Amino acid sequence: MSGKLTLLSSATASGSTSVEFTSGIDSTYDEYVFYGLDINPSVGGSGTDGPIFQFQANASGGSGFNETITSSAFGAYHREDGASTSLTYITSSDQANGTSYQHIASNVGAMSDASLCFELHLFSPSSTSKVKHFYSQSVNSNDDEPPYAWQYFMAGYINTTSAIDEISFNVSSGNFDGNIYLYGVS
């Protein structure tokens, strides 16, 4: 593998409840990477400040984004005024054979100057004999005042031997704006 990235598709969210990639994930590549830029949840209306940004997968021929996931999560933060820092295991963001959407980042700030950037790596999604490993890392400002800079690290596997060919991203509450790109890695 050379680590060369090939752009396969992109999606722009504008007041969207979810963004779904339903094509482009197949046996062409052993690794796929999603990059999210300038993700910003809605404020007011049905949106709330501080939602969770998350993803879930769908197996080939399946219905709904509800695959079983086992994962682990930790994060580091630094408050804007320097008054608080931490490196911590995030119990609320991991799953033990759960079918919920997997957290990528929590307490994503919805202020006009806040945003989330992330990358999500998915390995061998077309395998029909192995589970599908993934990891993500993200950075965002949160919804506290003064805000914190958060960096999240998530890793785990989608516990199915069925091929995965669809990924969905959403926020736990409300809508979001931003851009998500899907790359194949060769």
C-alpha atoms as a PDB file:
ATOM      1  CA  MET A   1       0.000   0.000   0.000  1.00  0.00           C
ATOM      2  CA  SER A   2       1.314   3.416  -0.942  1.00  0.00           C
ATOM      3  CA  GLY A   3      -1.131   5.407   1.168  1.00  0.00           C
ATOM      4  CA  LYS A   4      -2.371   7.212  -1.951  1.00  0.00           C
ATOM      5  CA  LEU A   5      -5.816   8.758  -1.444  1.00  0.00           C
ATOM      6  CA  THR A   6      -8.401   8.654  -4.218  1.00  0.00           C
ATOM      7  CA  LEU A   7     -11.456  10.879  -3.763  1.00  0.00           C
ATOM      8  CA  LEU A   8     -14.548   8.744  -4.357  1.00  0.00           C
ATOM      9  CA  SER A   9     -17.367  11.076  -3.336  1.00  0.00           C
ATOM     10  CA  SER A  10     -18.315  13.975  -1.115  1.00  0.00           C
ATOM     11  CA  ALA A  11     -21.412  15.322   0.581  1.00  0.00           C
ATOM     12  CA  THR A  12     -22.312  18.781   1.794  1.00  0.00           C
ATOM     13  CA  ALA A  13     -24.671  18.954   4.736  1.00  0.00           C
ATOM     14  CA  SER A  14     -26.787  22.095   4.990  1.00  0.00           C
ATOM     15  CA  GLY A  15     -29.304  21.836   7.796  1.00  0.00           C
ATOM     16  CA  SER A  16     -29.190  18.060   7.330  1.00  0.00           C
ATOM     17  CA  THR A  17     -30.280  15.465   9.870  1.00  0.00           C
ATOM     18  CA  SER A  18     -27.892  12.892   8.363  1.00  0.00           C
ATOM     19  CA  VAL A  19     -25.447  12.265   5.543  1.00  0.00           C
ATOM     20  CA  GLU A  20     -25.328   8.772   4.076  1.00  0.00           C
ATOM     21  CA  PHE A  21     -22.748   7.223   1.784  1.00  0.00           C
ATOM     22  CA  THR A  22     -24.634   4.425   0.007  1.00  0.00           C
ATOM     23  CA  SER A  23     -22.217   3.763  -2.860  1.00  0.00           C
ATOM     24  CA  GLY A  24     -18.467   3.673  -3.395  1.00  0.00           C
ATOM     25  CA  ILE A  25     -17.629   1.298  -0.525  1.00  0.00           C
ATOM     26  CA  ASP A  26     -16.777  -2.023  -2.148  1.00  0.00           C
ATOM     27  CA  SER A  27     -13.839  -4.394  -2.723  1.00  0.00           C
ATOM     28  CA  THR A  28     -11.811  -1.830  -4.706  1.00  0.00           C
ATOM     29  CA  TYR A  29      -9.852  -0.726  -1.611  1.00  0.00           C
ATOM     30  CA  ASP A  30      -8.877  -2.414   1.655  1.00  0.00           C
ATOM     31  CA  GLU A  31      -9.084   0.907   3.510  1.00  0.00           C
ATOM     32  CA  TYR A  32     -11.569   3.763   3.237  1.00  0.00           C
ATOM     33  CA  VAL A  33     -11.206   7.129   4.957  1.00  0.00           C
ATOM     34  CA  PHE A  34     -13.912   9.695   5.648  1.00  0.00           C
ATOM     35  CA  TYR A  35     -12.839  13.278   6.362  1.00  0.00           C
ATOM     36  CA  GLY A  36     -15.302  15.716   7.901  1.00  0.00           C
ATOM     37  CA  LEU A  37     -14.586  19.453   7.763  1.00  0.00           C
ATOM     38  CA  ASP A  38     -16.355  22.397   9.366  1.00  0.00           C
ATOM     39  CA  ILE A  39     -19.104  20.268  10.914  1.00  0.00           C
ATOM     40  CA  ASN A  40     -21.374  22.594  12.887  1.00  0.00           C
ATOM     41  CA  PRO A  41     -24.630  21.602  14.605  1.00  0.00           C
ATOM     42  CA  SER A  42     -27.709  23.827  14.428  1.00  0.00           C
ATOM     43  CA  VAL A  43     -28.646  26.188  17.239  1.00  0.00           C
ATOM     44  CA  GLY A  44     -32.275  26.835  18.063  1.00  0.00           C
ATOM     45  CA  GLY A  45     -35.291  25.168  16.519  1.00  0.00           C
ATOM     46  CA  SER A  46     -34.818  21.405  16.752  1.00  0.00           C
ATOM     47  CA  GLY A  47     -31.034  21.737  17.232  1.00  0.00           C
ATOM     48  CA  THR A  48     -29.297  21.920  20.580  1.00  0.00           C
ATOM     49  CA  ASP A  49     -25.880  23.166  21.544  1.00  0.00           C
ATOM     50  CA  GLY A  50     -23.559  20.303  22.385  1.00  0.00           C
ATOM     51  CA  PRO A  51     -24.835  17.225  20.487  1.00  0.00           C
ATOM     52  CA  ILE A  52     -22.864  14.080  19.734  1.00  0.00           C
ATOM     53  CA  PHE A  53     -21.567  13.558  16.190  1.00  0.00           C
ATOM     54  CA  GLN A  54     -21.721   9.876  15.281  1.00  0.00           C
ATOM     55  CA  PHE A  55     -21.738   7.170  12.603  1.00  0.00           C
ATOM     56  CA  GLN A  56     -23.251   3.747  11.963  1.00  0.00           C
ATOM     57  CA  ALA A  57     -22.855   1.131   9.212  1.00  0.00           C
ATOM     58  CA  ASN A  58     -25.167  -0.994   7.116  1.00  0.00           C
ATOM     59  CA  ALA A  59     -24.294  -4.457   5.825  1.00  0.00           C
ATOM     60  CA  SER A  60     -24.698  -5.236   2.146  1.00  0.00           C
ATOM     61  CA  GLY A  61     -28.327  -6.143   1.520  1.00  0.00           C
ATOM     62  CA  GLY A  62     -29.268  -5.056   5.047  1.00  0.00           C
ATOM     63  CA  SER A  63     -31.823  -2.513   6.118  1.00  0.00           C
ATOM     64  CA  GLY A  64     -31.224   0.274   8.592  1.00  0.00           C
ATOM     65  CA  PHE A  65     -28.003   1.467  10.106  1.00  0.00           C
ATOM     66  CA  ASN A  66     -27.836  -0.849  13.103  1.00  0.00           C
ATOM     67  CA  GLU A  67     -24.776  -3.089  12.914  1.00  0.00           C
ATOM     68  CA  THR A  68     -23.266  -4.433  16.143  1.00  0.00           C
ATOM     69  CA  ILE A  69     -20.229  -2.425  17.310  1.00  0.00           C
ATOM     70  CA  THR A  70     -17.627  -2.952  20.018  1.00  0.00           C
ATOM     71  CA  SER A  71     -15.497   0.115  20.693  1.00  0.00           C
ATOM     72  CA  SER A  72     -13.366   2.091  23.104  1.00  0.00           C
ATOM     73  CA  ALA A  73     -12.923   5.848  23.475  1.00  0.00           C
ATOM     74  CA  PHE A  74     -10.698   8.379  25.181  1.00  0.00           C
ATOM     75  CA  GLY A  75     -10.171  12.093  24.857  1.00  0.00           C
ATOM     76  CA  ALA A  76      -8.045  15.022  25.864  1.00  0.00           C
ATOM     77  CA  TYR A  77      -9.186  18.576  26.464  1.00  0.00           C
ATOM     78  CA  HIS A  78      -7.842  21.992  27.331  1.00  0.00           C
ATOM     79  CA  ARG A  79     -10.072  24.844  28.437  1.00  0.00           C
ATOM     80  CA  GLU A  80      -9.716  28.111  26.505  1.00  0.00           C
ATOM     81  CA  ASP A  81      -8.731  30.090  29.619  1.00  0.00           C
ATOM     82  CA  GLY A  82      -6.202  27.417  30.680  1.00  0.00           C
ATOM     83  CA  ALA A  83      -8.036  26.630  33.936  1.00  0.00           C
ATOM     84  CA  SER A  84      -8.592  22.924  33.215  1.00  0.00           C
ATOM     85  CA  THR A  85      -6.998  20.079  31.232  1.00  0.00           C
ATOM     86  CA  SER A  86      -7.519  16.332  31.150  1.00  0.00           C
ATOM     87  CA  LEU A  87      -6.820  13.048  29.403  1.00  0.00           C
ATOM     88  CA  THR A  88      -9.631  10.618  30.134  1.00  0.00           C
ATOM     89  CA  TYR A  89     -11.363   7.382  29.166  1.00  0.00           C
ATOM     90  CA  ILE A  90     -14.864   8.222  27.887  1.00  0.00           C
ATOM     91  CA  THR A  91     -17.166   5.470  29.131  1.00  0.00           C
ATOM     92  CA  SER A  92     -20.277   7.047  27.612  1.00  0.00           C
ATOM     93  CA  SER A  93     -18.814   6.859  24.083  1.00  0.00           C
ATOM     94  CA  ASP A  94     -17.872   3.188  23.904  1.00  0.00           C
ATOM     95  CA  GLN A  95     -20.051   0.191  23.067  1.00  0.00           C
ATOM     96  CA  ALA A  96     -19.990  -3.514  23.995  1.00  0.00           C
ATOM     97  CA  ASN A  97     -21.829  -5.253  21.161  1.00  0.00           C
ATOM     98  CA  GLY A  98     -24.188  -2.295  20.860  1.00  0.00           C
ATOM     99  CA  THR A  99     -26.210  -1.297  17.838  1.00  0.00           C
ATOM    100  CA  SER A 100     -26.360   2.441  18.543  1.00  0.00           C
ATOM    101  CA  TYR A 101     -24.627   5.012  16.417  1.00  0.00           C
ATOM    102  CA  GLN A 102     -20.936   5.163  17.377  1.00  0.00           C
ATOM    103  CA  HIS A 103     -19.744   8.494  18.804  1.00  0.00           C
ATOM    104  CA  ILE A 104     -17.028  10.355  16.933  1.00  0.00           C
ATOM    105  CA  ALA A 105     -17.196  13.495  19.105  1.00  0.00           C
ATOM    106  CA  SER A 106     -19.331  14.693  22.013  1.00  0.00           C
ATOM    107  CA  ASN A 107     -20.501  18.137  23.103  1.00  0.00           C
ATOM    108  CA  VAL A 108     -19.821  19.622  19.701  1.00  0.00           C
ATOM    109  CA  GLY A 109     -20.150  23.375  20.015  1.00  0.00           C
ATOM    110  CA  ALA A 110     -22.895  24.953  17.938  1.00  0.00           C
ATOM    111  CA  MET A 111     -21.741  28.553  18.284  1.00  0.00           C
ATOM    112  CA  SER A 112     -21.164  30.338  14.981  1.00  0.00           C
ATOM    113  CA  ASP A 113     -17.369  30.153  15.391  1.00  0.00           C
ATOM    114  CA  ALA A 114     -17.292  26.481  16.510  1.00  0.00           C
ATOM    115  CA  SER A 115     -16.755  23.413  14.356  1.00  0.00           C
ATOM    116  CA  LEU A 116     -15.695  19.780  14.307  1.00  0.00           C
ATOM    117  CA  CYS A 117     -13.138  18.133  12.044  1.00  0.00           C
ATOM    118  CA  PHE A 118     -12.699  14.349  11.988  1.00  0.00           C
ATOM    119  CA  GLU A 119     -11.286  11.384  10.162  1.00  0.00           C
ATOM    120  CA  LEU A 120     -12.754   7.879  10.229  1.00  0.00           C
ATOM    121  CA  HIS A 121     -10.780   4.902   8.866  1.00  0.00           C
ATOM    122  CA  LEU A 122     -12.636   1.707   7.905  1.00  0.00           C
ATOM    123  CA  PHE A 123     -10.657  -1.443   7.065  1.00  0.00           C
ATOM    124  CA  SER A 124     -11.601  -4.339   4.754  1.00  0.00           C
ATOM    125  CA  PRO A 125     -15.319  -3.503   4.601  1.00  0.00           C
ATOM    126  CA  SER A 126     -15.913  -6.041   1.812  1.00  0.00           C
ATOM    127  CA  SER A 127     -14.549  -9.011   3.762  1.00  0.00           C
ATOM    128  CA  THR A 128     -17.100 -11.772   4.243  1.00  0.00           C
ATOM    129  CA  SER A 129     -14.986 -13.653   6.793  1.00  0.00           C
ATOM    130  CA  LYS A 130     -13.686 -10.974   9.213  1.00  0.00           C
ATOM    131  CA  VAL A 131     -15.085  -8.227  11.441  1.00  0.00           C
ATOM    132  CA  LYS A 132     -14.554  -4.647  10.177  1.00  0.00           C
ATOM    133  CA  HIS A 133     -12.063  -2.592  12.195  1.00  0.00           C
ATOM    134  CA  PHE A 134     -12.256   1.186  12.402  1.00  0.00           C
ATOM    135  CA  TYR A 135     -10.704   4.093  14.215  1.00  0.00           C
ATOM    136  CA  SER A 136     -11.446   7.781  14.296  1.00  0.00           C
ATOM    137  CA  GLN A 137      -9.964  10.921  15.697  1.00  0.00           C
ATOM    138  CA  SER A 138     -11.565  14.300  15.889  1.00  0.00           C
ATOM    139  CA  VAL A 139     -11.059  17.776  17.255  1.00  0.00           C
ATOM    140  CA  ASN A 140     -13.764  20.259  18.170  1.00  0.00           C
ATOM    141  CA  SER A 141     -14.641  23.110  20.441  1.00  0.00           C
ATOM    142  CA  ASN A 142     -17.379  22.204  22.883  1.00  0.00           C
ATOM    143  CA  ASP A 143     -20.442  23.992  24.196  1.00  0.00           C
ATOM    144  CA  ASP A 144     -19.126  25.170  27.582  1.00  0.00           C
ATOM    145  CA  GLU A 145     -18.290  28.775  28.429  1.00  0.00           C
ATOM    146  CA  PRO A 146     -15.397  29.303  28.226  1.00  0.00           C
ATOM    147  CA  PRO A 147     -15.124  26.551  25.612  1.00  0.00           C
ATOM    148  CA  TYR A 148     -12.753  23.609  25.641  1.00  0.00           C
ATOM    149  CA  ALA A 149     -10.674  22.238  22.774  1.00  0.00           C
ATOM    150  CA  TRP A 150     -11.462  18.503  22.695  1.00  0.00           C
ATOM    151  CA  GLN A 151      -9.644  15.748  20.839  1.00  0.00           C
ATOM    152  CA  TYR A 152     -11.393  12.360  20.733  1.00  0.00           C
ATOM    153  CA  PHE A 153      -9.934   8.979  19.823  1.00  0.00           C
ATOM    154  CA  MET A 154     -12.304   6.086  19.051  1.00  0.00           C
ATOM    155  CA  ALA A 155     -11.460   2.565  17.891  1.00  0.00           C
ATOM    156  CA  GLY A 156     -13.275  -0.717  17.549  1.00  0.00           C
ATOM    157  CA  TYR A 157     -14.890  -3.100  15.149  1.00  0.00           C
ATOM    158  CA  ILE A 158     -18.192  -3.673  13.429  1.00  0.00           C
ATOM    159  CA  ASN A 159     -19.014  -7.196  14.565  1.00  0.00           C
ATOM    160  CA  THR A 160     -20.256  -8.772  11.357  1.00  0.00           C
ATOM    161  CA  THR A 161     -18.741 -10.969   8.680  1.00  0.00           C
ATOM    162  CA  SER A 162     -21.146  -9.482   6.125  1.00  0.00           C
ATOM    163  CA  ALA A 163     -19.703  -6.886   3.780  1.00  0.00           C
ATOM    164  CA  ILE A 164     -20.288  -3.269   4.842  1.00  0.00           C
ATOM    165  CA  ASP A 165     -21.258  -0.990   1.947  1.00  0.00           C
ATOM    166  CA  GLU A 166     -23.032   1.996   3.561  1.00  0.00           C
ATOM    167  CA  ILE A 167     -22.100   4.505   6.276  1.00  0.00           C
ATOM    168  CA  SER A 168     -24.374   7.100   7.882  1.00  0.00           C
ATOM    169  CA  PHE A 169     -23.328  10.202   9.869  1.00  0.00           C
ATOM    170  CA  ASN A 170     -25.623  12.291  12.074  1.00  0.00           C
ATOM    171  CA  VAL A 171     -25.867  14.354  15.223  1.00  0.00           C
ATOM    172  CA  SER A 172     -27.713  13.090  18.286  1.00  0.00           C
ATOM    173  CA  SER A 173     -30.064  16.072  18.188  1.00  0.00           C
ATOM    174  CA  GLY A 174     -31.013  18.564  15.500  1.00  0.00           C
ATOM    175  CA  ASN A 175     -29.300  19.259  12.193  1.00  0.00           C
ATOM    176  CA  PHE A 176     -25.794  20.051  11.036  1.00  0.00           C
ATOM    177  CA  ASP A 177     -23.798  21.766   8.308  1.00  0.00           C
ATOM    178  CA  GLY A 178     -20.424  20.736   6.923  1.00  0.00           C
ATOM    179  CA  ASN A 179     -18.572  18.678   4.350  1.00  0.00           C
ATOM    180  CA  ILE A 180     -17.707  14.973   4.403  1.00  0.00           C
ATOM    181  CA  TYR A 181     -15.354  13.342   1.903  1.00  0.00           C
ATOM    182  CA  LEU A 182     -14.898   9.628   1.151  1.00  0.00           C
ATOM    183  CA  TYR A 183     -11.475   8.422  -0.032  1.00  0.00           C
ATOM    184  CA  GLY A 184     -10.129   5.017  -1.001  1.00  0.00           C
ATOM    185  CA  VAL A 185      -6.573   4.265   0.157  1.00  0.00           C
ATOM    186  CA  SER A 186      -4.275   2.312  -2.164  1.00  0.00           C
END
